[in-house]
Amino acid sequence: MSKQHIHIGVEDAERGLRRFVDSWHKAESGKVDQAEIHLNFENFSMLASVLTPKRLELMKVLRQHGLQSIRSLSKQLRRDYKNVHTDVI
């Protein structure tokens, strides 16, 4: 399985919509090499409230070790299963 990059940042809705429309037109004309994944937030406060240090740590472990069960993740992170489950779901 190849690793995909996720672009995470702050972007207003108008700019995000323009990027989406541009990507749509490129795809229609066959000019897209690889799909891009963007996770954008309206402002930094929203980003920080969703991407907590624990969730960032979880993402780092997944990137380093690949997909795994929630139980395995919770053991590796030394966190309660229910909390990891909430973060994953």
PDB file of N, CA and C in Angstrom:
ATOM      1  N   MET A   1       0.847  -1.172   0.000  1.00  0.00           N
ATOM      2  CA  MET A   1       0.000   0.000   0.000  1.00  0.00           C
ATOM      3  C   MET A   1       0.894   1.236   0.000  1.00  0.00           C
ATOM      4  N   SER A   2       0.626   2.157  -0.928  1.00  0.00           N
ATOM      5  CA  SER A   2       1.426   3.375  -0.978  1.00  0.00           C
ATOM      6  C   SER A   2       0.882   4.397   0.011  1.00  0.00           C
ATOM      7  N   LYS A   3       1.776   5.220   0.493  1.00  0.00           N
ATOM      8  CA  LYS A   3       1.368   6.245   1.459  1.00  0.00           C
ATOM      9  C   LYS A   3       0.856   7.458   0.706  1.00  0.00           C
ATOM     10  N   GLN A   4      -0.262   7.976   1.177  1.00  0.00           N
ATOM     11  CA  GLN A   4      -0.845   9.169   0.592  1.00  0.00           C
ATOM     12  C   GLN A   4      -0.601  10.339   1.511  1.00  0.00           C
ATOM     13  N   HIS A   5      -0.413  11.483   0.936  1.00  0.00           N
ATOM     14  CA  HIS A   5      -0.246  12.698   1.722  1.00  0.00           C
ATOM     15  C   HIS A   5      -1.604  13.346   1.930  1.00  0.00           C
ATOM     16  N   ILE A   6      -1.810  13.862   3.119  1.00  0.00           N
ATOM     17  CA  ILE A   6      -3.014  14.618   3.424  1.00  0.00           C
ATOM     18  C   ILE A   6      -2.567  16.045   3.722  1.00  0.00           C
ATOM     19  N   HIS A   7      -3.106  16.981   2.985  1.00  0.00           N
ATOM     20  CA  HIS A   7      -2.800  18.393   3.202  1.00  0.00           C
ATOM     21  C   HIS A   7      -3.763  18.920   4.260  1.00  0.00           C
ATOM     22  N   ILE A   8      -3.223  19.340   5.394  1.00  0.00           N
ATOM     23  CA  ILE A   8      -4.042  19.846   6.497  1.00  0.00           C
ATOM     24  C   ILE A   8      -3.710  21.317   6.693  1.00  0.00           C
ATOM     25  N   GLY A   9      -4.750  22.139   6.769  1.00  0.00           N
ATOM     26  CA  GLY A   9      -4.472  23.556   6.947  1.00  0.00           C
ATOM     27  C   GLY A   9      -5.714  24.385   7.175  1.00  0.00           C
ATOM     28  N   VAL A  10      -5.512  25.689   7.079  1.00  0.00           N
ATOM     29  CA  VAL A  10      -6.589  26.662   7.244  1.00  0.00           C
ATOM     30  C   VAL A  10      -6.851  27.265   5.868  1.00  0.00           C
ATOM     31  N   GLU A  11      -8.120  27.237   5.466  1.00  0.00           N
ATOM     32  CA  GLU A  11      -8.472  27.755   4.149  1.00  0.00           C
ATOM     33  C   GLU A  11      -9.932  28.196   4.171  1.00  0.00           C
ATOM     34  N   ASP A  12     -10.204  29.367   3.626  1.00  0.00           N
ATOM     35  CA  ASP A  12     -11.598  29.817   3.608  1.00  0.00           C
ATOM     36  C   ASP A  12     -12.386  29.009   2.575  1.00  0.00           C
ATOM     37  N   ALA A  13     -13.687  28.969   2.757  1.00  0.00           N
ATOM     38  CA  ALA A  13     -14.556  28.138   1.927  1.00  0.00           C
ATOM     39  C   ALA A  13     -14.480  28.525   0.451  1.00  0.00           C
ATOM     40  N   GLU A  14     -14.377  29.797   0.168  1.00  0.00           N
ATOM     41  CA  GLU A  14     -14.332  30.248  -1.229  1.00  0.00           C
ATOM     42  C   GLU A  14     -13.099  29.710  -1.954  1.00  0.00           C
ATOM     43  N   ARG A  15     -11.963  29.789  -1.296  1.00  0.00           N
ATOM     44  CA  ARG A  15     -10.726  29.285  -1.914  1.00  0.00           C
ATOM     45  C   ARG A  15     -10.791  27.768  -2.085  1.00  0.00           C
ATOM     46  N   GLY A  16     -11.318  27.076  -1.081  1.00  0.00           N
ATOM     47  CA  GLY A  16     -11.465  25.629  -1.173  1.00  0.00           C
ATOM     48  C   GLY A  16     -12.380  25.222  -2.316  1.00  0.00           C
ATOM     49  N   LEU A  17     -13.456  25.959  -2.493  1.00  0.00           N
ATOM     50  CA  LEU A  17     -14.388  25.675  -3.586  1.00  0.00           C
ATOM     51  C   LEU A  17     -13.720  25.908  -4.934  1.00  0.00           C
ATOM     52  N   ARG A  18     -12.938  26.977  -5.062  1.00  0.00           N
ATOM     53  CA  ARG A  18     -12.214  27.234  -6.320  1.00  0.00           C
ATOM     54  C   ARG A  18     -11.250  26.090  -6.630  1.00  0.00           C
ATOM     55  N   ARG A  19     -10.523  25.621  -5.600  1.00  0.00           N
ATOM     56  CA  ARG A  19      -9.582  24.513  -5.798  1.00  0.00           C
ATOM     57  C   ARG A  19     -10.324  23.255  -6.239  1.00  0.00           C
ATOM     58  N   PHE A  20     -11.485  23.010  -5.626  1.00  0.00           N
ATOM     59  CA  PHE A  20     -12.302  21.857  -5.990  1.00  0.00           C
ATOM     60  C   PHE A  20     -12.748  21.937  -7.453  1.00  0.00           C
ATOM     61  N   VAL A  21     -13.240  23.096  -7.863  1.00  0.00           N
ATOM     62  CA  VAL A  21     -13.706  23.273  -9.244  1.00  0.00           C
ATOM     63  C   VAL A  21     -12.543  23.101 -10.220  1.00  0.00           C
ATOM     64  N   ASP A  22     -11.382  23.667  -9.902  1.00  0.00           N
ATOM     65  CA  ASP A  22     -10.196  23.497 -10.752  1.00  0.00           C
ATOM     66  C   ASP A  22      -9.832  22.023 -10.887  1.00  0.00           C
ATOM     67  N   SER A  23      -9.857  21.301  -9.775  1.00  0.00           N
ATOM     68  CA  SER A  23      -9.539  19.869  -9.796  1.00  0.00           C
ATOM     69  C   SER A  23     -10.557  19.105 -10.631  1.00  0.00           C
ATOM     70  N   TRP A  24     -11.812  19.486 -10.512  1.00  0.00           N
ATOM     71  CA  TRP A  24     -12.878  18.832 -11.277  1.00  0.00           C
ATOM     72  C   TRP A  24     -12.624  18.994 -12.782  1.00  0.00           C
ATOM     73  N   HIS A  25     -12.288  20.213 -13.190  1.00  0.00           N
ATOM     74  CA  HIS A  25     -12.027  20.471 -14.608  1.00  0.00           C
ATOM     75  C   HIS A  25     -10.793  19.701 -15.094  1.00  0.00           C
ATOM     76  N   LYS A  26      -9.759  19.632 -14.269  1.00  0.00           N
ATOM     77  CA  LYS A  26      -8.568  18.860 -14.640  1.00  0.00           C
ATOM     78  C   LYS A  26      -8.914  17.387 -14.808  1.00  0.00           C
ATOM     79  N   ALA A  27      -9.723  16.862 -13.896  1.00  0.00           N
ATOM     80  CA  ALA A  27     -10.116  15.454 -13.972  1.00  0.00           C
ATOM     81  C   ALA A  27     -10.933  15.186 -15.234  1.00  0.00           C
ATOM     82  N   GLU A  28     -11.826  16.088 -15.565  1.00  0.00           N
ATOM     83  CA  GLU A  28     -12.642  15.919 -16.773  1.00  0.00           C
ATOM     84  C   GLU A  28     -11.789  15.882 -18.035  1.00  0.00           C
ATOM     85  N   SER A  29     -10.701  16.647 -18.036  1.00  0.00           N
ATOM     86  CA  SER A  29      -9.841  16.684 -19.217  1.00  0.00           C
ATOM     87  C   SER A  29      -8.707  15.664 -19.144  1.00  0.00           C
ATOM     88  N   GLY A  30      -8.674  14.856 -18.067  1.00  0.00           N
ATOM     89  CA  GLY A  30      -7.672  13.803 -17.936  1.00  0.00           C
ATOM     90  C   GLY A  30      -6.301  14.293 -17.525  1.00  0.00           C
ATOM     91  N   LYS A  31      -6.204  15.458 -16.920  1.00  0.00           N
ATOM     92  CA  LYS A  31      -4.906  16.040 -16.559  1.00  0.00           C
ATOM     93  C   LYS A  31      -4.472  15.764 -15.119  1.00  0.00           C
ATOM     94  N   VAL A  32      -5.207  14.950 -14.391  1.00  0.00           N
ATOM     95  CA  VAL A  32      -4.883  14.692 -12.984  1.00  0.00           C
ATOM     96  C   VAL A  32      -4.000  13.453 -12.889  1.00  0.00           C
ATOM     97  N   ASP A  33      -2.840  13.595 -12.243  1.00  0.00           N
ATOM     98  CA  ASP A  33      -1.944  12.462 -12.045  1.00  0.00           C
ATOM     99  C   ASP A  33      -2.391  11.610 -10.867  1.00  0.00           C
ATOM    100  N   GLN A  34      -2.609  12.248  -9.737  1.00  0.00           N
ATOM    101  CA  GLN A  34      -2.984  11.545  -8.510  1.00  0.00           C
ATOM    102  C   GLN A  34      -3.924  12.440  -7.707  1.00  0.00           C
ATOM    103  N   ALA A  35      -4.917  11.825  -7.109  1.00  0.00           N
ATOM    104  CA  ALA A  35      -5.872  12.588  -6.303  1.00  0.00           C
ATOM    105  C   ALA A  35      -5.168  13.180  -5.090  1.00  0.00           C
ATOM    106  N   GLU A  36      -5.573  14.377  -4.728  1.00  0.00           N
ATOM    107  CA  GLU A  36      -5.040  15.025  -3.534  1.00  0.00           C
ATOM    108  C   GLU A  36      -6.115  15.025  -2.463  1.00  0.00           C
ATOM    109  N   ILE A  37      -5.691  14.841  -1.230  1.00  0.00           N
ATOM    110  CA  ILE A  37      -6.620  14.875  -0.105  1.00  0.00           C
ATOM    111  C   ILE A  37      -6.315  16.121   0.712  1.00  0.00           C
ATOM    112  N   HIS A  38      -7.338  16.930   0.923  1.00  0.00           N
ATOM    113  CA  HIS A  38      -7.198  18.158   1.708  1.00  0.00           C
ATOM    114  C   HIS A  38      -8.171  18.116   2.875  1.00  0.00           C
ATOM    115  N   LEU A  39      -7.682  18.475   4.039  1.00  0.00           N
ATOM    116  CA  LEU A  39      -8.512  18.611   5.234  1.00  0.00           C
ATOM    117  C   LEU A  39      -8.293  20.033   5.727  1.00  0.00           C
ATOM    118  N   ASN A  40      -9.247  20.900   5.412  1.00  0.00           N
ATOM    119  CA  ASN A  40      -9.089  22.316   5.729  1.00  0.00           C
ATOM    120  C   ASN A  40     -10.103  22.776   6.757  1.00  0.00           C
ATOM    121  N   PHE A  41      -9.683  23.747   7.541  1.00  0.00           N
ATOM    122  CA  PHE A  41     -10.516  24.323   8.588  1.00  0.00           C
ATOM    123  C   PHE A  41     -10.663  25.811   8.334  1.00  0.00           C
ATOM    124  N   GLU A  42     -11.750  26.359   8.812  1.00  0.00           N
ATOM    125  CA  GLU A  42     -12.056  27.769   8.607  1.00  0.00           C
ATOM    126  C   GLU A  42     -11.051  28.687   9.298  1.00  0.00           C
ATOM    127  N   ASN A  43     -10.543  28.249  10.456  1.00  0.00           N
ATOM    128  CA  ASN A  43      -9.566  29.058  11.186  1.00  0.00           C
ATOM    129  C   ASN A  43      -8.700  28.142  12.052  1.00  0.00           C
ATOM    130  N   PHE A  44      -7.639  28.718  12.606  1.00  0.00           N
ATOM    131  CA  PHE A  44      -6.705  27.910  13.386  1.00  0.00           C
ATOM    132  C   PHE A  44      -7.353  27.338  14.643  1.00  0.00           C
ATOM    133  N   SER A  45      -8.263  28.070  15.253  1.00  0.00           N
ATOM    134  CA  SER A  45      -8.930  27.576  16.467  1.00  0.00           C
ATOM    135  C   SER A  45      -9.673  26.276  16.195  1.00  0.00           C
ATOM    136  N   MET A  46     -10.355  26.206  15.065  1.00  0.00           N
ATOM    137  CA  MET A  46     -11.070  24.978  14.704  1.00  0.00           C
ATOM    138  C   MET A  46     -10.088  23.834  14.464  1.00  0.00           C
ATOM    139  N   LEU A  47      -9.009  24.130  13.750  1.00  0.00           N
ATOM    140  CA  LEU A  47      -7.997  23.112  13.479  1.00  0.00           C
ATOM    141  C   LEU A  47      -7.443  22.559  14.787  1.00  0.00           C
ATOM    142  N   ALA A  48      -7.077  23.444  15.705  1.00  0.00           N
ATOM    143  CA  ALA A  48      -6.482  23.026  16.980  1.00  0.00           C
ATOM    144  C   ALA A  48      -7.468  22.251  17.846  1.00  0.00           C
ATOM    145  N   SER A  49      -8.754  22.555  17.740  1.00  0.00           N
ATOM    146  CA  SER A  49      -9.732  21.838  18.563  1.00  0.00           C
ATOM    147  C   SER A  49      -9.987  20.429  18.038  1.00  0.00           C
ATOM    148  N   VAL A  50      -9.812  20.226  16.741  1.00  0.00           N
ATOM    149  CA  VAL A  50     -10.040  18.902  16.150  1.00  0.00           C
ATOM    150  C   VAL A  50      -8.763  18.067  16.175  1.00  0.00           C
ATOM    151  N   LEU A  51      -7.646  18.661  15.804  1.00  0.00           N
ATOM    152  CA  LEU A  51      -6.376  17.928  15.753  1.00  0.00           C
ATOM    153  C   LEU A  51      -5.611  18.141  17.053  1.00  0.00           C
ATOM    154  N   THR A  52      -6.078  17.481  18.092  1.00  0.00           N
ATOM    155  CA  THR A  52      -5.450  17.573  19.405  1.00  0.00           C
ATOM    156  C   THR A  52      -4.095  16.868  19.381  1.00  0.00           C
ATOM    157  N   PRO A  53      -3.236  17.121  20.358  1.00  0.00           N
ATOM    158  CA  PRO A  53      -1.951  16.419  20.407  1.00  0.00           C
ATOM    159  C   PRO A  53      -2.107  14.891  20.398  1.00  0.00           C
ATOM    160  N   LYS A  54      -3.115  14.365  21.085  1.00  0.00           N
ATOM    161  CA  LYS A  54      -3.333  12.907  21.110  1.00  0.00           C
ATOM    162  C   LYS A  54      -3.714  12.391  19.722  1.00  0.00           C
ATOM    163  N   ARG A  55      -4.534  13.131  19.006  1.00  0.00           N
ATOM    164  CA  ARG A  55      -4.935  12.714  17.655  1.00  0.00           C
ATOM    165  C   ARG A  55      -3.769  12.817  16.679  1.00  0.00           C
ATOM    166  N   LEU A  56      -2.942  13.834  16.840  1.00  0.00           N
ATOM    167  CA  LEU A  56      -1.754  13.945  15.993  1.00  0.00           C
ATOM    168  C   LEU A  56      -0.801  12.787  16.251  1.00  0.00           C
ATOM    169  N   GLU A  57      -0.665  12.405  17.515  1.00  0.00           N
ATOM    170  CA  GLU A  57       0.176  11.258  17.861  1.00  0.00           C
ATOM    171  C   GLU A  57      -0.384   9.987  17.227  1.00  0.00           C
ATOM    172  N   LEU A  58      -1.688   9.824  17.263  1.00  0.00           N
ATOM    173  CA  LEU A  58      -2.345   8.670  16.652  1.00  0.00           C
ATOM    174  C   LEU A  58      -2.049   8.633  15.147  1.00  0.00           C
ATOM    175  N   MET A  59      -2.156   9.767  14.486  1.00  0.00           N
ATOM    176  CA  MET A  59      -1.871   9.831  13.052  1.00  0.00           C
ATOM    177  C   MET A  59      -0.411   9.491  12.757  1.00  0.00           C
ATOM    178  N   LYS A  60       0.479   9.932  13.621  1.00  0.00           N
ATOM    179  CA  LYS A  60       1.905   9.638  13.440  1.00  0.00           C
ATOM    180  C   LYS A  60       2.160   8.133  13.535  1.00  0.00           C
ATOM    181  N   VAL A  61       1.549   7.482  14.516  1.00  0.00           N
ATOM    182  CA  VAL A  61       1.716   6.031  14.680  1.00  0.00           C
ATOM    183  C   VAL A  61       1.161   5.297  13.462  1.00  0.00           C
ATOM    184  N   LEU A  62       0.001   5.715  12.980  1.00  0.00           N
ATOM    185  CA  LEU A  62      -0.578   5.082  11.792  1.00  0.00           C
ATOM    186  C   LEU A  62       0.324   5.260  10.580  1.00  0.00           C
ATOM    187  N   ARG A  63       0.908   6.423  10.453  1.00  0.00           N
ATOM    188  CA  ARG A  63       1.808   6.669   9.318  1.00  0.00           C
ATOM    189  C   ARG A  63       3.058   5.795   9.409  1.00  0.00           C
ATOM    190  N   GLN A  64       3.599   5.653  10.616  1.00  0.00           N
ATOM    191  CA  GLN A  64       4.825   4.878  10.794  1.00  0.00           C
ATOM    192  C   GLN A  64       4.590   3.373  10.689  1.00  0.00           C
ATOM    193  N   HIS A  65       3.463   2.898  11.231  1.00  0.00           N
ATOM    194  CA  HIS A  65       3.249   1.455  11.352  1.00  0.00           C
ATOM    195  C   HIS A  65       2.124   0.912  10.486  1.00  0.00           C
ATOM    196  N   GLY A  66       1.419   1.766   9.776  1.00  0.00           N
ATOM    197  CA  GLY A  66       0.351   1.314   8.891  1.00  0.00           C
ATOM    198  C   GLY A  66      -0.945   1.027   9.639  1.00  0.00           C
ATOM    199  N   LEU A  67      -1.930   0.596   8.866  1.00  0.00           N
ATOM    200  CA  LEU A  67      -3.243   0.308   9.435  1.00  0.00           C
ATOM    201  C   LEU A  67      -3.164  -0.822  10.444  1.00  0.00           C
ATOM    202  N   GLN A  68      -3.968  -0.717  11.481  1.00  0.00           N
ATOM    203  CA  GLN A  68      -4.022  -1.744  12.517  1.00  0.00           C
ATOM    204  C   GLN A  68      -5.325  -1.608  13.286  1.00  0.00           C
ATOM    205  N   SER A  69      -5.592  -2.556  14.131  1.00  0.00           N
ATOM    206  CA  SER A  69      -6.837  -2.521  14.899  1.00  0.00           C
ATOM    207  C   SER A  69      -6.791  -1.402  15.944  1.00  0.00           C
ATOM    208  N   ILE A  70      -7.966  -1.004  16.381  1.00  0.00           N
ATOM    209  CA  ILE A  70      -8.049   0.026  17.416  1.00  0.00           C
ATOM    210  C   ILE A  70      -7.426  -0.486  18.707  1.00  0.00           C
ATOM    211  N   ARG A  71      -7.630  -1.759  19.014  1.00  0.00           N
ATOM    212  CA  ARG A  71      -7.034  -2.340  20.220  1.00  0.00           C
ATOM    213  C   ARG A  71      -5.510  -2.256  20.163  1.00  0.00           C
ATOM    214  N   SER A  72      -4.952  -2.610  19.026  1.00  0.00           N
ATOM    215  CA  SER A  72      -3.502  -2.539  18.859  1.00  0.00           C
ATOM    216  C   SER A  72      -3.006  -1.092  18.977  1.00  0.00           C
ATOM    217  N   LEU A  73      -3.739  -0.181  18.370  1.00  0.00           N
ATOM    218  CA  LEU A  73      -3.382   1.238  18.476  1.00  0.00           C
ATOM    219  C   LEU A  73      -3.404   1.709  19.922  1.00  0.00           C
ATOM    220  N   SER A  74      -4.460   1.335  20.650  1.00  0.00           N
ATOM    221  CA  SER A  74      -4.587   1.790  22.041  1.00  0.00           C
ATOM    222  C   SER A  74      -3.441   1.261  22.894  1.00  0.00           C
ATOM    223  N   LYS A  75      -3.010   0.026  22.639  1.00  0.00           N
ATOM    224  CA  LYS A  75      -1.870  -0.526  23.387  1.00  0.00           C
ATOM    225  C   LYS A  75      -0.588   0.213  23.029  1.00  0.00           C
ATOM    226  N   GLN A  76      -0.399   0.453  21.744  1.00  0.00           N
ATOM    227  CA  GLN A  76       0.812   1.131  21.291  1.00  0.00           C
ATOM    228  C   GLN A  76       0.888   2.562  21.829  1.00  0.00           C
ATOM    229  N   LEU A  77      -0.253   3.219  21.894  1.00  0.00           N
ATOM    230  CA  LEU A  77      -0.304   4.600  22.365  1.00  0.00           C
ATOM    231  C   LEU A  77      -0.419   4.703  23.883  1.00  0.00           C
ATOM    232  N   ARG A  78      -0.653   3.553  24.531  1.00  0.00           N
ATOM    233  CA  ARG A  78      -0.878   3.500  25.985  1.00  0.00           C
ATOM    234  C   ARG A  78      -2.049   4.404  26.378  1.00  0.00           C
ATOM    235  N   ARG A  79      -3.134   4.239  25.612  1.00  0.00           N
ATOM    236  CA  ARG A  79      -4.354   5.012  25.851  1.00  0.00           C
ATOM    237  C   ARG A  79      -5.527   4.061  26.018  1.00  0.00           C
ATOM    238  N   ASP A  80      -6.574   4.549  26.645  1.00  0.00           N
ATOM    239  CA  ASP A  80      -7.791   3.779  26.831  1.00  0.00           C
ATOM    240  C   ASP A  80      -8.423   3.461  25.467  1.00  0.00           C
ATOM    241  N   TYR A  81      -8.883   2.220  25.310  1.00  0.00           N
ATOM    242  CA  TYR A  81      -9.479   1.762  24.058  1.00  0.00           C
ATOM    243  C   TYR A  81     -10.617   2.681  23.607  1.00  0.00           C
ATOM    244  N   LYS A  82     -11.515   3.034  24.531  1.00  0.00           N
ATOM    245  CA  LYS A  82     -12.682   3.851  24.176  1.00  0.00           C
ATOM    246  C   LYS A  82     -12.269   5.220  23.640  1.00  0.00           C
ATOM    247  N   ASN A  83     -11.243   5.810  24.229  1.00  0.00           N
ATOM    248  CA  ASN A  83     -10.779   7.120  23.766  1.00  0.00           C
ATOM    249  C   ASN A  83     -10.162   7.032  22.369  1.00  0.00           C
ATOM    250  N   VAL A  84      -9.393   5.985  22.125  1.00  0.00           N
ATOM    251  CA  VAL A  84      -8.801   5.793  20.798  1.00  0.00           C
ATOM    252  C   VAL A  84      -9.916   5.530  19.781  1.00  0.00           C
ATOM    253  N   HIS A  85     -10.881   4.711  20.171  1.00  0.00           N
ATOM    254  CA  HIS A  85     -12.016   4.423  19.294  1.00  0.00           C
ATOM    255  C   HIS A  85     -12.736   5.717  18.909  1.00  0.00           C
ATOM    256  N   THR A  86     -12.970   6.579  19.873  1.00  0.00           N
ATOM    257  CA  THR A  86     -13.626   7.865  19.613  1.00  0.00           C
ATOM    258  C   THR A  86     -12.811   8.704  18.634  1.00  0.00           C
ATOM    259  N   ASP A  87     -11.500   8.722  18.800  1.00  0.00           N
ATOM    260  CA  ASP A  87     -10.644   9.504  17.909  1.00  0.00           C
ATOM    261  C   ASP A  87     -10.619   8.933  16.493  1.00  0.00           C
ATOM    262  N   VAL A  88     -10.656   7.616  16.380  1.00  0.00           N
ATOM    263  CA  VAL A  88     -10.603   6.981  15.063  1.00  0.00           C
ATOM    264  C   VAL A  88     -11.933   7.132  14.331  1.00  0.00           C
ATOM    265  N   ILE A  89     -13.002   6.941  15.056  1.00  0.00           N
ATOM    266  CA  ILE A  89     -14.334   7.005  14.440  1.00  0.00           C
ATOM    267  C   ILE A  89     -14.743   8.446  14.344  1.00  0.00           C
TER     268      ILE A  89
END
